[in-house]
Amino acid sequence: MIISEMEEANKNLKEAKNIAIEALQTAENANKAKTDFLSNMSHDIRTPMNAIIGIISLIRHNAGDKEKVIEYADKIAISSQHL
């Protein structure tokens, strides 16, 4: 009788271990997906923001040239739409 109880306990422990392994794998997959998402979003935000920052510097340098300022403002609008 004690042996069958031990066998049952072992069976329960193996099932619990398998469930824990599956949960760990799911958590690791979710963490990787989160990391990939944040990496992509960081790049997708950083690229247009760098353009906007650079163009603002050009506007400051060419503030007296209305046509250039309008051209730069248009580029800022395009870059901000990419965000």
PDB file of N, CA and C in Angstrom:
ATOM      1  N   MET A   1       0.814  -1.190   0.000  1.00  0.00           N
ATOM      2  CA  MET A   1       0.000   0.000   0.000  1.00  0.00           C
ATOM      3  C   MET A   1       0.857   1.253   0.000  1.00  0.00           C
ATOM      4  N   ILE A   2       1.918   1.277   0.737  1.00  0.00           N
ATOM      5  CA  ILE A   2       2.800   2.433   0.792  1.00  0.00           C
ATOM      6  C   ILE A   2       3.480   2.623  -0.556  1.00  0.00           C
ATOM      7  N   ILE A   3       3.825   1.534  -1.240  1.00  0.00           N
ATOM      8  CA  ILE A   3       4.488   1.627  -2.533  1.00  0.00           C
ATOM      9  C   ILE A   3       3.560   2.274  -3.558  1.00  0.00           C
ATOM     10  N   SER A   4       2.306   1.894  -3.560  1.00  0.00           N
ATOM     11  CA  SER A   4       1.368   2.495  -4.514  1.00  0.00           C
ATOM     12  C   SER A   4       1.160   3.981  -4.223  1.00  0.00           C
ATOM     13  N   GLU A   5       1.188   4.356  -2.957  1.00  0.00           N
ATOM     14  CA  GLU A   5       1.075   5.782  -2.606  1.00  0.00           C
ATOM     15  C   GLU A   5       2.312   6.546  -3.087  1.00  0.00           C
ATOM     16  N   MET A   6       3.473   5.913  -2.961  1.00  0.00           N
ATOM     17  CA  MET A   6       4.708   6.544  -3.425  1.00  0.00           C
ATOM     18  C   MET A   6       4.707   6.663  -4.954  1.00  0.00           C
ATOM     19  N   GLU A   7       4.210   5.634  -5.619  1.00  0.00           N
ATOM     20  CA  GLU A   7       4.126   5.682  -7.074  1.00  0.00           C
ATOM     21  C   GLU A   7       3.179   6.800  -7.517  1.00  0.00           C
ATOM     22  N   GLU A   8       2.081   6.928  -6.818  1.00  0.00           N
ATOM     23  CA  GLU A   8       1.113   7.993  -7.114  1.00  0.00           C
ATOM     24  C   GLU A   8       1.741   9.367  -6.871  1.00  0.00           C
ATOM     25  N   ALA A   9       2.483   9.492  -5.781  1.00  0.00           N
ATOM     26  CA  ALA A   9       3.160  10.757  -5.476  1.00  0.00           C
ATOM     27  C   ALA A   9       4.191  11.073  -6.549  1.00  0.00           C
ATOM     28  N   ASN A  10       4.948  10.069  -6.994  1.00  0.00           N
ATOM     29  CA  ASN A  10       5.931  10.266  -8.069  1.00  0.00           C
ATOM     30  C   ASN A  10       5.247  10.706  -9.361  1.00  0.00           C
ATOM     31  N   LYS A  11       4.134  10.063  -9.657  1.00  0.00           N
ATOM     32  CA  LYS A  11       3.384  10.429 -10.856  1.00  0.00           C
ATOM     33  C   LYS A  11       2.925  11.884 -10.772  1.00  0.00           C
ATOM     34  N   ASN A  12       2.416  12.276  -9.619  1.00  0.00           N
ATOM     35  CA  ASN A  12       1.963  13.661  -9.421  1.00  0.00           C
ATOM     36  C   ASN A  12       3.128  14.651  -9.535  1.00  0.00           C
ATOM     37  N   LEU A  13       4.270  14.266  -8.983  1.00  0.00           N
ATOM     38  CA  LEU A  13       5.449  15.134  -9.074  1.00  0.00           C
ATOM     39  C   LEU A  13       5.922  15.290 -10.517  1.00  0.00           C
ATOM     40  N   LYS A  14       5.909  14.193 -11.280  1.00  0.00           N
ATOM     41  CA  LYS A  14       6.308  14.271 -12.686  1.00  0.00           C
ATOM     42  C   LYS A  14       5.360  15.169 -13.473  1.00  0.00           C
ATOM     43  N   GLU A  15       4.071  15.054 -13.207  1.00  0.00           N
ATOM     44  CA  GLU A  15       3.094  15.910 -13.886  1.00  0.00           C
ATOM     45  C   GLU A  15       3.322  17.374 -13.519  1.00  0.00           C
ATOM     46  N   ALA A  16       3.571  17.626 -12.241  1.00  0.00           N
ATOM     47  CA  ALA A  16       3.828  19.000 -11.798  1.00  0.00           C
ATOM     48  C   ALA A  16       5.100  19.549 -12.431  1.00  0.00           C
ATOM     49  N   LYS A  17       6.114  18.699 -12.549  1.00  0.00           N
ATOM     50  CA  LYS A  17       7.370  19.119 -13.183  1.00  0.00           C
ATOM     51  C   LYS A  17       7.135  19.472 -14.641  1.00  0.00           C
ATOM     52  N   ASN A  18       6.373  18.636 -15.353  1.00  0.00           N
ATOM     53  CA  ASN A  18       6.081  18.903 -16.764  1.00  0.00           C
ATOM     54  C   ASN A  18       5.302  20.209 -16.932  1.00  0.00           C
ATOM     55  N   ILE A  19       4.366  20.440 -16.050  1.00  0.00           N
ATOM     56  CA  ILE A  19       3.596  21.690 -16.094  1.00  0.00           C
ATOM     57  C   ILE A  19       4.516  22.886 -15.850  1.00  0.00           C
ATOM     58  N   ALA A  20       5.417  22.749 -14.894  1.00  0.00           N
ATOM     59  CA  ALA A  20       6.362  23.831 -14.595  1.00  0.00           C
ATOM     60  C   ALA A  20       7.295  24.089 -15.768  1.00  0.00           C
ATOM     61  N   ILE A  21       7.750  23.032 -16.425  1.00  0.00           N
ATOM     62  CA  ILE A  21       8.626  23.181 -17.591  1.00  0.00           C
ATOM     63  C   ILE A  21       7.887  23.906 -18.712  1.00  0.00           C
ATOM     64  N   GLU A  22       6.642  23.542 -18.947  1.00  0.00           N
ATOM     65  CA  GLU A  22       5.839  24.216 -19.975  1.00  0.00           C
ATOM     66  C   GLU A  22       5.634  25.688 -19.628  1.00  0.00           C
ATOM     67  N   ALA A  23       5.354  25.969 -18.367  1.00  0.00           N
ATOM     68  CA  ALA A  23       5.155  27.362 -17.943  1.00  0.00           C
ATOM     69  C   ALA A  23       6.430  28.172 -18.114  1.00  0.00           C
ATOM     70  N   LEU A  24       7.565  27.578 -17.795  1.00  0.00           N
ATOM     71  CA  LEU A  24       8.848  28.251 -17.970  1.00  0.00           C
ATOM     72  C   LEU A  24       9.097  28.530 -19.448  1.00  0.00           C
ATOM     73  N   GLN A  25       8.839  27.587 -20.305  1.00  0.00           N
ATOM     74  CA  GLN A  25       9.036  27.768 -21.748  1.00  0.00           C
ATOM     75  C   GLN A  25       8.128  28.881 -22.270  1.00  0.00           C
ATOM     76  N   THR A  26       6.881  28.892 -21.817  1.00  0.00           N
ATOM     77  CA  THR A  26       5.943  29.938 -22.226  1.00  0.00           C
ATOM     78  C   THR A  26       6.439  31.302 -21.780  1.00  0.00           C
ATOM     79  N   ALA A  27       6.922  31.388 -20.557  1.00  0.00           N
ATOM     80  CA  ALA A  27       7.440  32.662 -20.037  1.00  0.00           C
ATOM     81  C   ALA A  27       8.672  33.111 -20.810  1.00  0.00           C
ATOM     82  N   GLU A  28       9.553  32.188 -21.131  1.00  0.00           N
ATOM     83  CA  GLU A  28      10.755  32.538 -21.905  1.00  0.00           C
ATOM     84  C   GLU A  28      10.383  33.012 -23.303  1.00  0.00           C
ATOM     85  N   ASN A  29       9.408  32.366 -23.927  1.00  0.00           N
ATOM     86  CA  ASN A  29       8.951  32.794 -25.255  1.00  0.00           C
ATOM     87  C   ASN A  29       8.323  34.182 -25.203  1.00  0.00           C
ATOM     88  N   ALA A  30       7.533  34.424 -24.175  1.00  0.00           N
ATOM     89  CA  ALA A  30       6.906  35.737 -24.018  1.00  0.00           C
ATOM     90  C   ALA A  30       7.962  36.811 -23.786  1.00  0.00           C
ATOM     91  N   ASN A  31       8.969  36.499 -22.989  1.00  0.00           N
ATOM     92  CA  ASN A  31      10.034  37.455 -22.722  1.00  0.00           C
ATOM     93  C   ASN A  31      10.807  37.782 -24.005  1.00  0.00           C
ATOM     94  N   LYS A  32      11.074  36.772 -24.824  1.00  0.00           N
ATOM     95  CA  LYS A  32      11.776  37.003 -26.094  1.00  0.00           C
ATOM     96  C   LYS A  32      10.931  37.858 -27.021  1.00  0.00           C
ATOM     97  N   ALA A  33       9.649  37.582 -27.077  1.00  0.00           N
ATOM     98  CA  ALA A  33       8.752  38.373 -27.928  1.00  0.00           C
ATOM     99  C   ALA A  33       8.726  39.828 -27.459  1.00  0.00           C
ATOM    100  N   LYS A  34       8.700  40.031 -26.154  1.00  0.00           N
ATOM    101  CA  LYS A  34       8.702  41.391 -25.597  1.00  0.00           C
ATOM    102  C   LYS A  34      10.002  42.102 -25.949  1.00  0.00           C
ATOM    103  N   THR A  35      11.119  41.422 -25.799  1.00  0.00           N
ATOM    104  CA  THR A  35      12.421  42.011 -26.103  1.00  0.00           C
ATOM    105  C   THR A  35      12.516  42.374 -27.578  1.00  0.00           C
ATOM    106  N   ASP A  36      12.068  41.475 -28.454  1.00  0.00           N
ATOM    107  CA  ASP A  36      12.085  41.756 -29.896  1.00  0.00           C
ATOM    108  C   ASP A  36      11.201  42.951 -30.234  1.00  0.00           C
ATOM    109  N   PHE A  37      10.019  43.003 -29.633  1.00  0.00           N
ATOM    110  CA  PHE A  37       9.088  44.107 -29.878  1.00  0.00           C
ATOM    111  C   PHE A  37       9.705  45.434 -29.452  1.00  0.00           C
ATOM    112  N   LEU A  38      10.271  45.477 -28.245  1.00  0.00           N
ATOM    113  CA  LEU A  38      10.864  46.717 -27.756  1.00  0.00           C
ATOM    114  C   LEU A  38      12.061  47.144 -28.604  1.00  0.00           C
ATOM    115  N   SER A  39      12.841  46.193 -29.058  1.00  0.00           N
ATOM    116  CA  SER A  39      13.975  46.511 -29.915  1.00  0.00           C
ATOM    117  C   SER A  39      13.507  47.129 -31.226  1.00  0.00           C
ATOM    118  N   ASN A  40      12.500  46.520 -31.830  1.00  0.00           N
ATOM    119  CA  ASN A  40      11.959  47.055 -33.088  1.00  0.00           C
ATOM    120  C   ASN A  40      11.331  48.426 -32.893  1.00  0.00           C
ATOM    121  N   MET A  41      10.556  48.587 -31.821  1.00  0.00           N
ATOM    122  CA  MET A  41       9.914  49.877 -31.566  1.00  0.00           C
ATOM    123  C   MET A  41      10.948  50.958 -31.297  1.00  0.00           C
ATOM    124  N   SER A  42      11.992  50.625 -30.571  1.00  0.00           N
ATOM    125  CA  SER A  42      13.047  51.588 -30.290  1.00  0.00           C
ATOM    126  C   SER A  42      13.671  52.074 -31.591  1.00  0.00           C
ATOM    127  N   HIS A  43      13.965  51.151 -32.487  1.00  0.00           N
ATOM    128  CA  HIS A  43      14.554  51.515 -33.782  1.00  0.00           C
ATOM    129  C   HIS A  43      13.567  52.335 -34.601  1.00  0.00           C
ATOM    130  N   ASP A  44      12.307  51.919 -34.629  1.00  0.00           N
ATOM    131  CA  ASP A  44      11.297  52.608 -35.435  1.00  0.00           C
ATOM    132  C   ASP A  44      11.027  54.020 -34.937  1.00  0.00           C
ATOM    133  N   ILE A  45      11.236  54.270 -33.669  1.00  0.00           N
ATOM    134  CA  ILE A  45      11.056  55.613 -33.113  1.00  0.00           C
ATOM    135  C   ILE A  45      12.330  56.433 -33.281  1.00  0.00           C
ATOM    136  N   ARG A  46      13.458  55.824 -33.026  1.00  0.00           N
ATOM    137  CA  ARG A  46      14.733  56.538 -33.046  1.00  0.00           C
ATOM    138  C   ARG A  46      15.058  57.101 -34.424  1.00  0.00           C
ATOM    139  N   THR A  47      14.803  56.366 -35.490  1.00  0.00           N
ATOM    140  CA  THR A  47      15.171  56.800 -36.840  1.00  0.00           C
ATOM    141  C   THR A  47      14.454  58.097 -37.238  1.00  0.00           C
ATOM    142  N   PRO A  48      13.118  58.167 -37.159  1.00  0.00           N
ATOM    143  CA  PRO A  48      12.465  59.431 -37.510  1.00  0.00           C
ATOM    144  C   PRO A  48      12.810  60.570 -36.538  1.00  0.00           C
ATOM    145  N   MET A  49      13.007  60.232 -35.267  1.00  0.00           N
ATOM    146  CA  MET A  49      13.351  61.284 -34.306  1.00  0.00           C
ATOM    147  C   MET A  49      14.712  61.890 -34.622  1.00  0.00           C
ATOM    148  N   ASN A  50      15.669  61.081 -35.046  1.00  0.00           N
ATOM    149  CA  ASN A  50      16.975  61.613 -35.437  1.00  0.00           C
ATOM    150  C   ASN A  50      16.836  62.564 -36.620  1.00  0.00           C
ATOM    151  N   ALA A  51      15.986  62.218 -37.573  1.00  0.00           N
ATOM    152  CA  ALA A  51      15.751  63.108 -38.718  1.00  0.00           C
ATOM    153  C   ALA A  51      15.137  64.428 -38.249  1.00  0.00           C
ATOM    154  N   ILE A  52      14.152  64.344 -37.368  1.00  0.00           N
ATOM    155  CA  ILE A  52      13.496  65.553 -36.867  1.00  0.00           C
ATOM    156  C   ILE A  52      14.497  66.443 -36.132  1.00  0.00           C
ATOM    157  N   ILE A  53      15.291  65.861 -35.288  1.00  0.00           N
ATOM    158  CA  ILE A  53      16.279  66.634 -34.524  1.00  0.00           C
ATOM    159  C   ILE A  53      17.296  67.285 -35.469  1.00  0.00           C
ATOM    160  N   GLY A  54      17.760  66.534 -36.450  1.00  0.00           N
ATOM    161  CA  GLY A  54      18.721  67.091 -37.405  1.00  0.00           C
ATOM    162  C   GLY A  54      18.133  68.221 -38.221  1.00  0.00           C
ATOM    163  N   ILE A  55      16.892  68.057 -38.654  1.00  0.00           N
ATOM    164  CA  ILE A  55      16.249  69.084 -39.473  1.00  0.00           C
ATOM    165  C   ILE A  55      15.985  70.350 -38.655  1.00  0.00           C
ATOM    166  N   ILE A  56      15.647  70.192 -37.400  1.00  0.00           N
ATOM    167  CA  ILE A  56      15.459  71.367 -36.535  1.00  0.00           C
ATOM    168  C   ILE A  56      16.751  72.176 -36.463  1.00  0.00           C
ATOM    169  N   SER A  57      17.863  71.497 -36.390  1.00  0.00           N
ATOM    170  CA  SER A  57      19.160  72.179 -36.387  1.00  0.00           C
ATOM    171  C   SER A  57      19.359  72.948 -37.692  1.00  0.00           C
ATOM    172  N   LEU A  58      18.974  72.352 -38.819  1.00  0.00           N
ATOM    173  CA  LEU A  58      19.079  73.049 -40.105  1.00  0.00           C
ATOM    174  C   LEU A  58      18.174  74.271 -40.157  1.00  0.00           C
ATOM    175  N   ILE A  59      16.983  74.154 -39.597  1.00  0.00           N
ATOM    176  CA  ILE A  59      16.056  75.299 -39.561  1.00  0.00           C
ATOM    177  C   ILE A  59      16.686  76.450 -38.774  1.00  0.00           C
ATOM    178  N   ARG A  60      17.268  76.143 -37.661  1.00  0.00           N
ATOM    179  CA  ARG A  60      17.913  77.191 -36.857  1.00  0.00           C
ATOM    180  C   ARG A  60      19.031  77.868 -37.653  1.00  0.00           C
ATOM    181  N   HIS A  61      19.767  77.067 -38.414  1.00  0.00           N
ATOM    182  CA  HIS A  61      20.894  77.601 -39.189  1.00  0.00           C
ATOM    183  C   HIS A  61      20.412  78.436 -40.378  1.00  0.00           C
ATOM    184  N   ASN A  62      19.289  78.042 -40.979  1.00  0.00           N
ATOM    185  CA  ASN A  62      18.768  78.727 -42.177  1.00  0.00           C
ATOM    186  C   ASN A  62      17.459  79.459 -41.900  1.00  0.00           C
ATOM    187  N   ALA A  63      17.286  80.000 -40.720  1.00  0.00           N
ATOM    188  CA  ALA A  63      16.020  80.617 -40.318  1.00  0.00           C
ATOM    189  C   ALA A  63      15.626  81.784 -41.221  1.00  0.00           C
ATOM    190  N   GLY A  64      16.586  82.445 -41.836  1.00  0.00           N
ATOM    191  CA  GLY A  64      16.273  83.585 -42.693  1.00  0.00           C
ATOM    192  C   GLY A  64      15.787  83.202 -44.076  1.00  0.00           C
ATOM    193  N   ASP A  65      15.973  81.966 -44.484  1.00  0.00           N
ATOM    194  CA  ASP A  65      15.580  81.505 -45.823  1.00  0.00           C
ATOM    195  C   ASP A  65      14.227  80.795 -45.716  1.00  0.00           C
ATOM    196  N   LYS A  66      13.160  81.546 -46.044  1.00  0.00           N
ATOM    197  CA  LYS A  66      11.800  81.042 -45.870  1.00  0.00           C
ATOM    198  C   LYS A  66      11.561  79.747 -46.654  1.00  0.00           C
ATOM    199  N   GLU A  67      12.067  79.648 -47.880  1.00  0.00           N
ATOM    200  CA  GLU A  67      11.851  78.453 -48.691  1.00  0.00           C
ATOM    201  C   GLU A  67      12.504  77.225 -48.054  1.00  0.00           C
ATOM    202  N   LYS A  68      13.702  77.406 -47.539  1.00  0.00           N
ATOM    203  CA  LYS A  68      14.388  76.289 -46.869  1.00  0.00           C
ATOM    204  C   LYS A  68      13.621  75.867 -45.623  1.00  0.00           C
ATOM    205  N   VAL A  69      13.156  76.858 -44.862  1.00  0.00           N
ATOM    206  CA  VAL A  69      12.418  76.551 -43.631  1.00  0.00           C
ATOM    207  C   VAL A  69      11.155  75.761 -43.963  1.00  0.00           C
ATOM    208  N   ILE A  70      10.458  76.151 -45.013  1.00  0.00           N
ATOM    209  CA  ILE A  70       9.246  75.424 -45.430  1.00  0.00           C
ATOM    210  C   ILE A  70       9.609  74.001 -45.863  1.00  0.00           C
ATOM    211  N   GLU A  71      10.687  73.864 -46.622  1.00  0.00           N
ATOM    212  CA  GLU A  71      11.150  72.533 -47.046  1.00  0.00           C
ATOM    213  C   GLU A  71      11.473  71.658 -45.834  1.00  0.00           C
ATOM    214  N   TYR A  72      12.179  72.225 -44.876  1.00  0.00           N
ATOM    215  CA  TYR A  72      12.541  71.478 -43.667  1.00  0.00           C
ATOM    216  C   TYR A  72      11.301  71.126 -42.846  1.00  0.00           C
ATOM    217  N   ALA A  73      10.353  72.060 -42.766  1.00  0.00           N
ATOM    218  CA  ALA A  73       9.113  71.791 -42.021  1.00  0.00           C
ATOM    219  C   ALA A  73       8.352  70.632 -42.664  1.00  0.00           C
ATOM    220  N   ASP A  74       8.358  70.594 -43.996  1.00  0.00           N
ATOM    221  CA  ASP A  74       7.702  69.482 -44.696  1.00  0.00           C
ATOM    222  C   ASP A  74       8.384  68.150 -44.357  1.00  0.00           C
ATOM    223  N   LYS A  75       9.703  68.166 -44.286  1.00  0.00           N
ATOM    224  CA  LYS A  75      10.435  66.944 -43.936  1.00  0.00           C
ATOM    225  C   LYS A  75      10.152  66.513 -42.499  1.00  0.00           C
ATOM    226  N   ILE A  76      10.014  67.500 -41.610  1.00  0.00           N
ATOM    227  CA  ILE A  76       9.656  67.174 -40.226  1.00  0.00           C
ATOM    228  C   ILE A  76       8.275  66.525 -40.193  1.00  0.00           C
ATOM    229  N   ALA A  77       7.350  67.069 -40.970  1.00  0.00           N
ATOM    230  CA  ALA A  77       5.997  66.502 -41.012  1.00  0.00           C
ATOM    231  C   ALA A  77       6.033  65.054 -41.504  1.00  0.00           C
ATOM    232  N   ILE A  78       6.819  64.784 -42.519  1.00  0.00           N
ATOM    233  CA  ILE A  78       6.933  63.413 -43.042  1.00  0.00           C
ATOM    234  C   ILE A  78       7.539  62.480 -41.990  1.00  0.00           C
ATOM    235  N   SER A  79       8.618  62.936 -41.346  1.00  0.00           N
ATOM    236  CA  SER A  79       9.264  62.100 -40.332  1.00  0.00           C
ATOM    237  C   SER A  79       8.335  61.846 -39.150  1.00  0.00           C
ATOM    238  N   SER A  80       7.560  62.863 -38.771  1.00  0.00           N
ATOM    239  CA  SER A  80       6.653  62.667 -37.627  1.00  0.00           C
ATOM    240  C   SER A  80       5.524  61.713 -37.981  1.00  0.00           C
ATOM    241  N   GLN A  81       5.125  61.676 -39.244  1.00  0.00           N
ATOM    242  CA  GLN A  81       4.088  60.729 -39.658  1.00  0.00           C
ATOM    243  C   GLN A  81       4.605  59.287 -39.583  1.00  0.00           C
ATOM    244  N   HIS A  82       5.910  59.102 -39.765  1.00  0.00           N
ATOM    245  CA  HIS A  82       6.488  57.759 -39.670  1.00  0.00           C
ATOM    246  C   HIS A  82       6.486  57.241 -38.233  1.00  0.00           C
ATOM    247  N   LEU A  83       6.361  58.168 -37.288  1.00  0.00           N
ATOM    248  CA  LEU A  83       6.306  57.728 -35.902  1.00  0.00           C
ATOM    249  C   LEU A  83       5.002  57.028 -35.636  1.00  0.00           C
TER     250      LEU A  83
END
